[in-house]
Amino acid sequence: MNPIVTTDGTRARITPRGEIDHDSLPPLTSAARALPPHVTELQWDMHHTTFMDIAGLHLLFDSTPHHPGLRTTVVNLHPQPLRLLLLAAETDPVSFDLTRLMPDTPSGITPWTVHPCP
């Protein structure tokens, strides 16, 4: 996978193209780790990602320890990745805090309160 990486000052956007799974995780993690140290905001744009498995959870929640203080958000989620995030948050809301990843998400959200776009 060759993600599209764009930077604008202290902001970066990484756009994966394809499914996020065990095989595609290393290049995505490498793209995040290669961000310049002055980047303080990372946005994952999932417009071209219709499927992700647990590797996507690792990517979104574990990929930034090398950038302390990096604010990470995700946008343009398709239904399946959104359902995975919601189920993970319901199972372990502390480890999978969607209010951090999706700041506009109200706390206490469950898969039954969010209706993904078709």
Protein backbone atom coordinates (compact mmCIF):
# COMPACT_ATOMS: atom_id res chain seq x y z
CA MET A 1 0.00 0.00 0.00
CA ASN A 2 1.24 3.46 -0.89
CA PRO A 3 -0.68 5.94 1.25
CA ILE A 4 -0.97 9.55 0.19
CA VAL A 5 0.74 11.81 2.73
CA THR A 6 0.27 15.56 2.67
CA THR A 7 1.53 18.11 5.15
CA ASP A 8 0.60 21.72 5.69
CA GLY A 9 2.60 23.38 8.43
CA THR A 10 1.92 21.48 11.66
CA ARG A 11 -0.86 19.36 10.11
CA ALA A 12 -0.54 16.10 8.22
CA ARG A 13 -3.09 13.96 6.42
CA ILE A 14 -2.51 10.33 5.54
CA THR A 15 -4.91 8.72 3.09
CA PRO A 16 -4.69 4.93 2.89
CA ARG A 17 -5.81 3.45 -0.42
CA GLY A 18 -7.30 0.01 0.07
CA GLU A 19 -8.03 -2.35 2.91
CA ILE A 20 -6.22 -2.04 6.22
CA ASP A 21 -5.04 -5.43 7.42
CA HIS A 22 -1.88 -7.12 8.69
CA ASP A 23 -0.12 -6.75 5.32
CA SER A 24 -0.91 -3.07 4.83
CA LEU A 25 -0.14 -2.01 8.42
CA PRO A 26 3.69 -1.66 8.12
CA PRO A 27 3.69 0.94 5.31
CA LEU A 28 0.95 2.92 7.06
CA THR A 29 2.78 2.87 10.38
CA SER A 30 5.97 3.88 8.57
CA ALA A 31 4.18 6.82 6.96
CA ALA A 32 3.05 8.04 10.40
CA ARG A 33 6.51 7.54 11.91
CA ALA A 34 8.12 9.46 9.04
CA LEU A 35 6.18 12.63 9.81
CA PRO A 36 8.42 15.57 10.71
CA PRO A 37 8.70 16.29 14.44
CA HIS A 38 7.00 19.68 14.06
CA VAL A 39 3.71 18.00 13.02
CA THR A 40 1.22 18.24 15.89
CA GLU A 41 -1.97 17.06 14.14
CA LEU A 42 -2.44 13.88 12.13
CA GLN A 43 -5.65 13.18 10.27
CA TRP A 44 -6.32 9.73 8.82
CA ASP A 45 -8.61 10.17 5.80
CA MET A 46 -10.36 6.83 5.26
CA HIS A 47 -12.23 7.85 2.10
CA HIS A 48 -10.59 5.03 0.08
CA THR A 49 -10.74 2.39 2.84
CA THR A 50 -13.89 0.28 2.89
CA PHE A 51 -12.53 -2.48 5.16
CA MET A 52 -10.21 -2.72 8.13
CA ASP A 53 -9.58 -5.42 10.67
CA ILE A 54 -7.82 -5.26 14.04
CA ALA A 55 -4.77 -3.86 12.26
CA GLY A 56 -6.79 -0.68 11.77
CA LEU A 57 -7.30 -0.43 15.52
CA HIS A 58 -3.55 -0.76 16.04
CA LEU A 59 -2.95 1.89 13.40
CA LEU A 60 -5.35 4.43 14.84
CA PHE A 61 -4.67 3.88 18.52
CA ASP A 62 -1.04 2.66 18.71
CA SER A 63 0.82 4.39 15.88
CA THR A 64 1.89 7.63 17.56
CA PRO A 65 4.04 6.89 20.63
CA HIS A 66 7.05 8.23 18.69
CA HIS A 67 5.30 11.63 18.43
CA PRO A 68 4.32 12.59 21.99
CA GLY A 69 1.40 15.00 22.00
CA LEU A 70 0.41 14.26 18.39
CA ARG A 71 -3.35 14.80 18.07
CA THR A 72 -4.78 12.05 15.86
CA THR A 73 -8.22 12.15 14.24
CA VAL A 74 -10.01 10.10 11.61
CA VAL A 75 -12.45 11.26 8.91
CA ASN A 76 -14.51 9.83 6.05
CA LEU A 77 -15.17 6.43 7.59
CA HIS A 78 -17.09 3.86 5.59
CA PRO A 79 -19.68 1.70 7.42
CA GLN A 80 -17.50 -1.34 8.16
CA PRO A 81 -14.51 0.55 9.67
CA LEU A 82 -16.94 2.69 11.66
CA ARG A 83 -18.69 -0.41 13.04
CA LEU A 84 -15.33 -1.86 14.05
CA LEU A 85 -14.39 1.32 15.92
CA LEU A 86 -17.77 1.46 17.64
CA LEU A 87 -17.59 -2.18 18.73
CA ALA A 88 -14.05 -1.71 20.03
CA ALA A 89 -15.13 1.40 21.96
CA GLU A 90 -18.09 -0.42 23.44
CA THR A 91 -15.91 -3.35 24.49
CA ASP A 92 -13.10 -1.25 25.99
CA PRO A 93 -13.96 2.48 26.10
CA VAL A 94 -10.73 3.39 27.89
CA SER A 95 -8.40 1.80 25.33
CA PHE A 96 -10.53 2.81 22.34
CA ASP A 97 -11.56 6.34 23.25
CA LEU A 98 -13.47 7.61 20.22
CA THR A 99 -13.83 11.08 21.73
CA ARG A 100 -10.08 11.44 21.19
CA LEU A 101 -10.08 10.00 17.69
CA MET A 102 -13.34 11.63 16.60
CA PRO A 103 -13.67 14.77 18.75
CA ASP A 104 -17.24 15.44 17.62
CA THR A 105 -18.37 12.06 19.01
CA PRO A 106 -20.46 12.36 22.17
CA SER A 107 -19.29 10.26 25.10
CA GLY A 108 -21.27 7.12 25.84
CA ILE A 109 -21.79 6.35 22.17
CA THR A 110 -22.72 2.80 21.16
CA PRO A 111 -23.12 1.05 17.80
CA TRP A 112 -26.86 1.40 18.21
CA THR A 113 -26.75 5.19 18.48
CA VAL A 114 -24.71 5.87 15.34
CA HIS A 115 -26.05 5.19 11.89
CA PRO A 116 -23.25 5.10 9.30
CA CYS A 117 -23.88 6.49 5.88
CA PRO A 118 -24.76 3.86 3.25
